[in-house]
Amino acid sequence: MFDSSMTAERHKEWLNCVKARVGNLNDFDVAPYWGFDDIFHKAGTKLTNCFYVRADQKIEMEGRKRKVFFLYNYVLKLSQFDQDRFIDAIRLGKIYVDFDARTGHNHGTKFRINYNDIPSLYKFSEVVLDERNMD
């Protein structure tokens, strides 16, 4: 069931547009469905093994030309994406569905997770670089 009260205030205009189209938002029954086979096939192609990287960004201007620099300060190697952990994260409310249609057209529906919870989806994680803990 779509819970309009969970919509961020910054999306109020979009929510009003939805309300104008469907009427009472309390009666707006959306039931997205993805089969586990479909989800895990897609996840397996994108998430099986990956690196999670954090970086600081610095922008410098040289005349009218913009240069962007990144300082990579944390790298985590993640391996063996785990389907059961993914399902557990959904059950625990760590993963939620984002209906990304806020600008008048559909940008796709996505799963979202807080970046701190990403490692919990993998069997193995290894810190490759952590500048925060360097002397």
N, C-alpha and C. Protein backbone atom coordinates (compact mmCIF):
# COMPACT_ATOMS: atom_id res chain seq x y z
N MET A 1 0.84 -1.18 0.00
CA MET A 1 0.00 0.00 0.00
C MET A 1 0.89 1.24 0.00
N PHE A 2 0.57 2.18 -0.83
CA PHE A 2 1.31 3.45 -0.92
C PHE A 2 0.97 4.30 0.30
N ASP A 3 1.96 4.73 1.04
CA ASP A 3 1.76 5.56 2.23
C ASP A 3 2.25 6.96 1.92
N SER A 4 1.34 7.84 1.56
CA SER A 4 1.72 9.19 1.14
C SER A 4 2.37 9.99 2.27
N SER A 5 2.14 9.60 3.52
CA SER A 5 2.75 10.31 4.64
C SER A 5 4.26 10.10 4.69
N MET A 6 4.76 9.09 3.97
CA MET A 6 6.20 8.81 3.95
C MET A 6 6.92 9.60 2.86
N THR A 7 6.18 10.40 2.11
CA THR A 7 6.77 11.20 1.03
C THR A 7 7.44 12.44 1.62
N ALA A 8 8.66 12.69 1.22
CA ALA A 8 9.41 13.84 1.74
C ALA A 8 8.70 15.15 1.38
N GLU A 9 8.80 16.12 2.26
CA GLU A 9 8.15 17.42 2.07
C GLU A 9 8.58 18.08 0.75
N ARG A 10 9.81 17.86 0.35
CA ARG A 10 10.31 18.49 -0.88
C ARG A 10 9.60 17.96 -2.13
N HIS A 11 8.85 16.85 -1.98
CA HIS A 11 8.13 16.27 -3.12
C HIS A 11 6.64 16.56 -3.05
N LYS A 12 6.26 17.57 -2.29
CA LYS A 12 4.85 17.89 -2.10
C LYS A 12 4.16 18.20 -3.43
N GLU A 13 4.82 18.93 -4.30
CA GLU A 13 4.23 19.27 -5.60
C GLU A 13 3.93 18.00 -6.40
N TRP A 14 4.88 17.07 -6.40
CA TRP A 14 4.67 15.80 -7.09
C TRP A 14 3.50 15.04 -6.48
N LEU A 15 3.44 15.01 -5.15
CA LEU A 15 2.37 14.29 -4.46
C LEU A 15 1.01 14.90 -4.80
N ASN A 16 0.93 16.21 -4.88
CA ASN A 16 -0.32 16.87 -5.26
C ASN A 16 -0.72 16.49 -6.69
N CYS A 17 0.27 16.34 -7.55
CA CYS A 17 0.01 15.91 -8.93
C CYS A 17 -0.56 14.49 -8.95
N VAL A 18 0.01 13.61 -8.15
CA VAL A 18 -0.50 12.23 -8.05
C VAL A 18 -1.92 12.25 -7.52
N LYS A 19 -2.16 13.05 -6.50
CA LYS A 19 -3.50 13.13 -5.91
C LYS A 19 -4.52 13.62 -6.93
N ALA A 20 -4.13 14.59 -7.76
CA ALA A 20 -5.04 15.10 -8.78
C ALA A 20 -5.39 14.01 -9.80
N ARG A 21 -4.47 13.09 -10.04
CA ARG A 21 -4.70 12.03 -11.02
C ARG A 21 -5.50 10.86 -10.48
N VAL A 22 -5.27 10.51 -9.20
CA VAL A 22 -5.89 9.29 -8.66
C VAL A 22 -6.99 9.57 -7.64
N GLY A 23 -7.10 10.79 -7.19
CA GLY A 23 -8.11 11.10 -6.17
C GLY A 23 -7.54 10.94 -4.78
N ASN A 24 -8.25 10.28 -3.93
CA ASN A 24 -7.87 10.09 -2.54
C ASN A 24 -6.61 9.22 -2.46
N LEU A 25 -5.56 9.76 -1.88
CA LEU A 25 -4.29 9.00 -1.77
C LEU A 25 -4.42 7.81 -0.84
N ASN A 26 -5.38 7.83 0.06
CA ASN A 26 -5.58 6.69 0.97
C ASN A 26 -6.12 5.47 0.23
N ASP A 27 -6.75 5.71 -0.93
CA ASP A 27 -7.30 4.61 -1.72
C ASP A 27 -6.35 4.20 -2.85
N PHE A 28 -5.20 4.83 -2.91
CA PHE A 28 -4.23 4.58 -3.98
C PHE A 28 -3.47 3.31 -3.64
N ASP A 29 -3.82 2.23 -4.28
CA ASP A 29 -3.24 0.93 -3.96
C ASP A 29 -2.21 0.55 -5.02
N VAL A 30 -0.95 0.66 -4.67
CA VAL A 30 0.14 0.30 -5.56
C VAL A 30 0.79 -0.95 -4.99
N ALA A 31 0.93 -1.94 -5.82
CA ALA A 31 1.56 -3.18 -5.36
C ALA A 31 2.66 -3.57 -6.33
N PRO A 32 3.84 -2.96 -6.17
CA PRO A 32 4.93 -3.34 -7.08
C PRO A 32 5.31 -4.79 -6.85
N TYR A 33 5.72 -5.43 -7.90
CA TYR A 33 6.08 -6.84 -7.77
C TYR A 33 7.32 -7.12 -8.60
N TRP A 34 8.28 -7.76 -7.98
CA TRP A 34 9.44 -8.28 -8.68
C TRP A 34 9.63 -9.70 -8.16
N GLY A 35 9.82 -10.62 -9.05
CA GLY A 35 10.12 -11.99 -8.62
C GLY A 35 11.55 -12.05 -8.12
N PHE A 36 11.79 -12.90 -7.13
CA PHE A 36 13.15 -13.02 -6.59
C PHE A 36 14.14 -13.43 -7.67
N ASP A 37 13.73 -14.30 -8.60
CA ASP A 37 14.63 -14.70 -9.67
C ASP A 37 15.07 -13.50 -10.49
N ASP A 38 14.12 -12.60 -10.79
CA ASP A 38 14.44 -11.39 -11.57
C ASP A 38 15.37 -10.47 -10.79
N ILE A 39 15.07 -10.28 -9.52
CA ILE A 39 15.90 -9.38 -8.70
C ILE A 39 17.32 -9.91 -8.58
N PHE A 40 17.45 -11.19 -8.29
CA PHE A 40 18.78 -11.74 -8.05
C PHE A 40 19.57 -11.94 -9.33
N HIS A 41 18.88 -12.12 -10.45
CA HIS A 41 19.60 -12.16 -11.72
C HIS A 41 20.23 -10.80 -11.99
N LYS A 42 19.45 -9.73 -11.80
CA LYS A 42 19.97 -8.37 -12.02
C LYS A 42 21.05 -8.04 -11.00
N ALA A 43 20.81 -8.38 -9.75
CA ALA A 43 21.82 -8.13 -8.71
C ALA A 43 23.09 -8.89 -9.00
N GLY A 44 22.95 -10.12 -9.47
CA GLY A 44 24.12 -10.95 -9.76
C GLY A 44 24.98 -10.37 -10.86
N THR A 45 24.37 -9.66 -11.80
CA THR A 45 25.15 -9.06 -12.89
C THR A 45 25.82 -7.76 -12.46
N LYS A 46 25.30 -7.13 -11.42
CA LYS A 46 25.83 -5.82 -11.03
C LYS A 46 26.53 -5.83 -9.68
N LEU A 47 26.14 -6.73 -8.80
CA LEU A 47 26.59 -6.62 -7.41
C LEU A 47 27.39 -7.80 -6.88
N THR A 48 27.66 -8.81 -7.68
CA THR A 48 28.31 -10.01 -7.17
C THR A 48 29.55 -9.68 -6.36
N ASN A 49 30.48 -8.99 -6.93
CA ASN A 49 31.69 -8.52 -6.27
C ASN A 49 31.87 -7.06 -6.68
N CYS A 50 32.20 -6.21 -5.72
CA CYS A 50 32.37 -4.80 -6.08
C CYS A 50 33.23 -4.11 -5.03
N PHE A 51 33.56 -2.88 -5.34
CA PHE A 51 34.27 -2.02 -4.39
C PHE A 51 33.34 -0.90 -3.99
N TYR A 52 33.34 -0.61 -2.71
CA TYR A 52 32.61 0.53 -2.18
C TYR A 52 33.66 1.59 -1.88
N VAL A 53 33.52 2.78 -2.49
CA VAL A 53 34.56 3.80 -2.40
C VAL A 53 33.96 5.11 -1.90
N ARG A 54 34.63 5.73 -0.95
CA ARG A 54 34.27 7.08 -0.50
C ARG A 54 35.42 8.01 -0.86
N ALA A 55 35.06 9.22 -1.25
CA ALA A 55 36.08 10.18 -1.64
C ALA A 55 35.64 11.59 -1.29
N ASP A 56 36.62 12.44 -1.02
CA ASP A 56 36.37 13.87 -0.88
C ASP A 56 36.57 14.49 -2.25
N GLN A 57 35.80 15.52 -2.53
CA GLN A 57 35.88 16.18 -3.84
C GLN A 57 36.33 17.63 -3.67
N LYS A 58 37.16 18.06 -4.59
CA LYS A 58 37.62 19.45 -4.61
C LYS A 58 37.48 19.95 -6.05
N ILE A 59 36.91 21.14 -6.19
CA ILE A 59 36.74 21.73 -7.52
C ILE A 59 37.60 22.99 -7.59
N GLU A 60 38.40 23.07 -8.65
CA GLU A 60 39.22 24.26 -8.89
C GLU A 60 38.87 24.81 -10.26
N MET A 61 38.89 26.12 -10.34
CA MET A 61 38.62 26.77 -11.62
C MET A 61 39.93 27.33 -12.17
N GLU A 62 40.19 27.03 -13.42
CA GLU A 62 41.31 27.61 -14.14
C GLU A 62 40.72 28.41 -15.28
N GLY A 63 40.53 29.70 -15.03
CA GLY A 63 39.81 30.51 -16.00
C GLY A 63 38.36 30.06 -16.03
N ARG A 64 37.90 29.64 -17.20
CA ARG A 64 36.52 29.16 -17.34
C ARG A 64 36.44 27.63 -17.29
N LYS A 65 37.61 27.01 -17.16
CA LYS A 65 37.65 25.56 -17.14
C LYS A 65 37.59 25.05 -15.70
N ARG A 66 36.73 24.10 -15.49
CA ARG A 66 36.53 23.53 -14.16
C ARG A 66 37.28 22.20 -14.07
N LYS A 67 38.07 22.05 -13.01
CA LYS A 67 38.76 20.79 -12.76
C LYS A 67 38.24 20.20 -11.47
N VAL A 68 37.97 18.91 -11.51
CA VAL A 68 37.46 18.21 -10.34
C VAL A 68 38.50 17.20 -9.90
N PHE A 69 38.82 17.21 -8.60
CA PHE A 69 39.79 16.30 -8.02
C PHE A 69 39.10 15.46 -6.96
N PHE A 70 39.52 14.21 -6.86
CA PHE A 70 38.98 13.32 -5.85
C PHE A 70 40.11 12.77 -5.00
N LEU A 71 39.88 12.73 -3.70
CA LEU A 71 40.82 12.11 -2.77
C LEU A 71 40.10 10.89 -2.21
N TYR A 72 40.51 9.72 -2.67
CA TYR A 72 39.90 8.49 -2.21
C TYR A 72 40.42 8.18 -0.82
N ASN A 73 39.49 8.12 0.14
CA ASN A 73 39.94 7.94 1.52
C ASN A 73 39.40 6.67 2.19
N TYR A 74 38.54 5.94 1.49
CA TYR A 74 38.03 4.70 2.06
C TYR A 74 37.61 3.78 0.93
N VAL A 75 38.17 2.58 0.92
CA VAL A 75 37.83 1.59 -0.11
C VAL A 75 37.56 0.26 0.59
N LEU A 76 36.42 -0.31 0.28
CA LEU A 76 36.00 -1.57 0.86
C LEU A 76 35.75 -2.55 -0.28
N LYS A 77 36.39 -3.69 -0.21
CA LYS A 77 36.19 -4.74 -1.21
C LYS A 77 35.07 -5.65 -0.70
N LEU A 78 34.01 -5.76 -1.50
CA LEU A 78 32.85 -6.56 -1.13
C LEU A 78 32.75 -7.75 -2.06
N SER A 79 32.55 -8.94 -1.50
CA SER A 79 32.45 -10.12 -2.36
C SER A 79 31.36 -11.06 -1.87
N GLN A 80 30.81 -11.76 -2.81
CA GLN A 80 29.74 -12.73 -2.64
C GLN A 80 28.46 -12.08 -2.09
N PHE A 81 27.82 -11.33 -2.98
CA PHE A 81 26.49 -10.78 -2.68
C PHE A 81 25.60 -11.93 -2.22
N ASP A 82 24.89 -11.73 -1.12
CA ASP A 82 24.12 -12.80 -0.50
C ASP A 82 22.62 -12.49 -0.57
N GLN A 83 21.89 -13.35 -1.26
CA GLN A 83 20.45 -13.16 -1.44
C GLN A 83 19.70 -13.16 -0.11
N ASP A 84 20.07 -14.05 0.79
CA ASP A 84 19.39 -14.11 2.09
C ASP A 84 19.61 -12.83 2.89
N ARG A 85 20.80 -12.29 2.81
CA ARG A 85 21.09 -11.03 3.51
C ARG A 85 20.28 -9.88 2.91
N PHE A 86 20.10 -9.91 1.58
CA PHE A 86 19.30 -8.91 0.90
C PHE A 86 17.86 -8.97 1.41
N ILE A 87 17.31 -10.17 1.48
CA ILE A 87 15.93 -10.34 1.96
C ILE A 87 15.82 -9.92 3.42
N ASP A 88 16.80 -10.28 4.24
CA ASP A 88 16.79 -9.85 5.64
C ASP A 88 16.81 -8.33 5.75
N ALA A 89 17.59 -7.67 4.89
CA ALA A 89 17.66 -6.20 4.92
C ALA A 89 16.31 -5.59 4.56
N ILE A 90 15.58 -6.21 3.65
CA ILE A 90 14.23 -5.73 3.34
C ILE A 90 13.34 -5.90 4.56
N ARG A 91 13.38 -7.07 5.17
CA ARG A 91 12.55 -7.34 6.36
C ARG A 91 12.86 -6.37 7.51
N LEU A 92 14.12 -6.01 7.65
CA LEU A 92 14.54 -5.11 8.73
C LEU A 92 14.32 -3.63 8.39
N GLY A 93 13.84 -3.35 7.19
CA GLY A 93 13.59 -1.96 6.78
C GLY A 93 14.83 -1.21 6.36
N LYS A 94 15.93 -1.92 6.12
CA LYS A 94 17.17 -1.28 5.68
C LYS A 94 17.14 -0.99 4.18
N ILE A 95 16.35 -1.77 3.45
CA ILE A 95 16.17 -1.56 2.02
C ILE A 95 14.72 -1.16 1.80
N TYR A 96 14.54 -0.12 1.00
CA TYR A 96 13.18 0.30 0.70
C TYR A 96 13.05 0.58 -0.79
N VAL A 97 11.81 0.66 -1.25
CA VAL A 97 11.53 0.90 -2.66
C VAL A 97 11.35 2.39 -2.87
N ASP A 98 12.01 2.91 -3.89
CA ASP A 98 11.91 4.33 -4.25
C ASP A 98 11.22 4.43 -5.60
N PHE A 99 10.00 4.98 -5.60
CA PHE A 99 9.29 5.24 -6.85
C PHE A 99 9.78 6.59 -7.35
N ASP A 100 10.72 6.59 -8.24
CA ASP A 100 11.40 7.81 -8.68
C ASP A 100 10.65 8.44 -9.85
N ALA A 101 9.54 9.11 -9.53
CA ALA A 101 8.73 9.76 -10.56
C ALA A 101 8.39 11.18 -10.14
N ARG A 102 9.33 11.84 -9.50
CA ARG A 102 9.04 13.13 -8.87
C ARG A 102 8.99 14.32 -9.81
N THR A 103 9.47 14.19 -11.03
CA THR A 103 9.54 15.36 -11.90
C THR A 103 8.54 15.31 -13.04
N GLY A 104 7.48 14.55 -12.87
CA GLY A 104 6.46 14.50 -13.90
C GLY A 104 6.62 13.33 -14.85
N HIS A 105 7.74 12.67 -14.81
CA HIS A 105 7.89 11.44 -15.60
C HIS A 105 8.68 10.42 -14.78
N ASN A 106 8.57 9.19 -15.20
CA ASN A 106 9.12 8.08 -14.42
C ASN A 106 10.62 7.92 -14.65
N HIS A 107 11.39 7.98 -13.59
CA HIS A 107 12.83 7.75 -13.66
C HIS A 107 13.18 6.33 -13.28
N GLY A 108 12.16 5.52 -13.06
CA GLY A 108 12.38 4.12 -12.70
C GLY A 108 12.16 3.90 -11.22
N THR A 109 11.90 2.69 -10.89
CA THR A 109 11.70 2.29 -9.51
C THR A 109 12.97 1.58 -9.06
N LYS A 110 13.41 1.93 -7.86
CA LYS A 110 14.71 1.46 -7.39
C LYS A 110 14.61 0.93 -5.97
N PHE A 111 15.58 0.12 -5.62
CA PHE A 111 15.79 -0.25 -4.23
C PHE A 111 16.84 0.72 -3.69
N ARG A 112 16.63 1.22 -2.49
CA ARG A 112 17.58 2.12 -1.85
C ARG A 112 18.03 1.52 -0.52
N ILE A 113 19.27 1.83 -0.16
CA ILE A 113 19.82 1.38 1.11
C ILE A 113 20.81 2.44 1.58
N ASN A 114 20.90 2.65 2.88
CA ASN A 114 21.87 3.57 3.44
C ASN A 114 23.27 3.02 3.16
N TYR A 115 24.17 3.88 2.78
CA TYR A 115 25.51 3.41 2.39
C TYR A 115 26.21 2.64 3.51
N ASN A 116 25.90 2.94 4.76
CA ASN A 116 26.53 2.20 5.87
C ASN A 116 26.06 0.75 5.95
N ASP A 117 24.91 0.45 5.34
CA ASP A 117 24.36 -0.90 5.40
C ASP A 117 24.76 -1.76 4.20
N ILE A 118 25.39 -1.19 3.21
CA ILE A 118 25.76 -1.95 2.00
C ILE A 118 26.62 -3.17 2.34
N PRO A 119 27.65 -3.06 3.18
CA PRO A 119 28.48 -4.24 3.46
C PRO A 119 27.70 -5.41 4.05
N SER A 120 26.59 -5.14 4.71
CA SER A 120 25.82 -6.23 5.32
C SER A 120 25.17 -7.15 4.28
N LEU A 121 25.17 -6.75 3.01
CA LEU A 121 24.59 -7.57 1.94
C LEU A 121 25.57 -8.60 1.40
N TYR A 122 26.79 -8.56 1.85
CA TYR A 122 27.85 -9.42 1.32
C TYR A 122 28.38 -10.38 2.39
N LYS A 123 28.82 -11.53 1.93
CA LYS A 123 29.41 -12.50 2.86
C LYS A 123 30.77 -12.02 3.36
N PHE A 124 31.51 -11.35 2.48
CA PHE A 124 32.86 -10.93 2.85
C PHE A 124 33.06 -9.45 2.54
N SER A 125 33.75 -8.76 3.44
CA SER A 125 34.16 -7.38 3.19
C SER A 125 35.57 -7.20 3.74
N GLU A 126 36.37 -6.48 2.99
CA GLU A 126 37.77 -6.26 3.37
C GLU A 126 38.12 -4.81 3.12
N VAL A 127 38.61 -4.14 4.16
CA VAL A 127 39.05 -2.75 4.01
C VAL A 127 40.36 -2.75 3.23
N VAL A 128 40.36 -2.07 2.10
CA VAL A 128 41.54 -1.97 1.25
C VAL A 128 42.30 -0.70 1.58
N LEU A 129 41.55 0.38 1.87
CA LEU A 129 42.16 1.67 2.21
C LEU A 129 41.27 2.37 3.21
N ASP A 130 41.87 2.89 4.27
CA ASP A 130 41.12 3.66 5.26
C ASP A 130 42.01 4.78 5.75
N GLU A 131 41.95 5.90 5.08
CA GLU A 131 42.77 7.07 5.43
C GLU A 131 42.33 7.68 6.76
N ARG A 132 41.11 7.36 7.20
CA ARG A 132 40.60 7.91 8.46
C ARG A 132 41.37 7.35 9.64
N ASN A 133 41.93 6.16 9.48
CA ASN A 133 42.64 5.51 10.59
C ASN A 133 44.15 5.50 10.39
N MET A 134 44.65 6.31 9.48
CA MET A 134 46.09 6.38 9.22
C MET A 134 46.73 7.37 10.20
N ASP A 135 47.95 7.10 10.59
CA ASP A 135 48.69 8.00 11.49
C ASP A 135 49.25 9.17 10.75
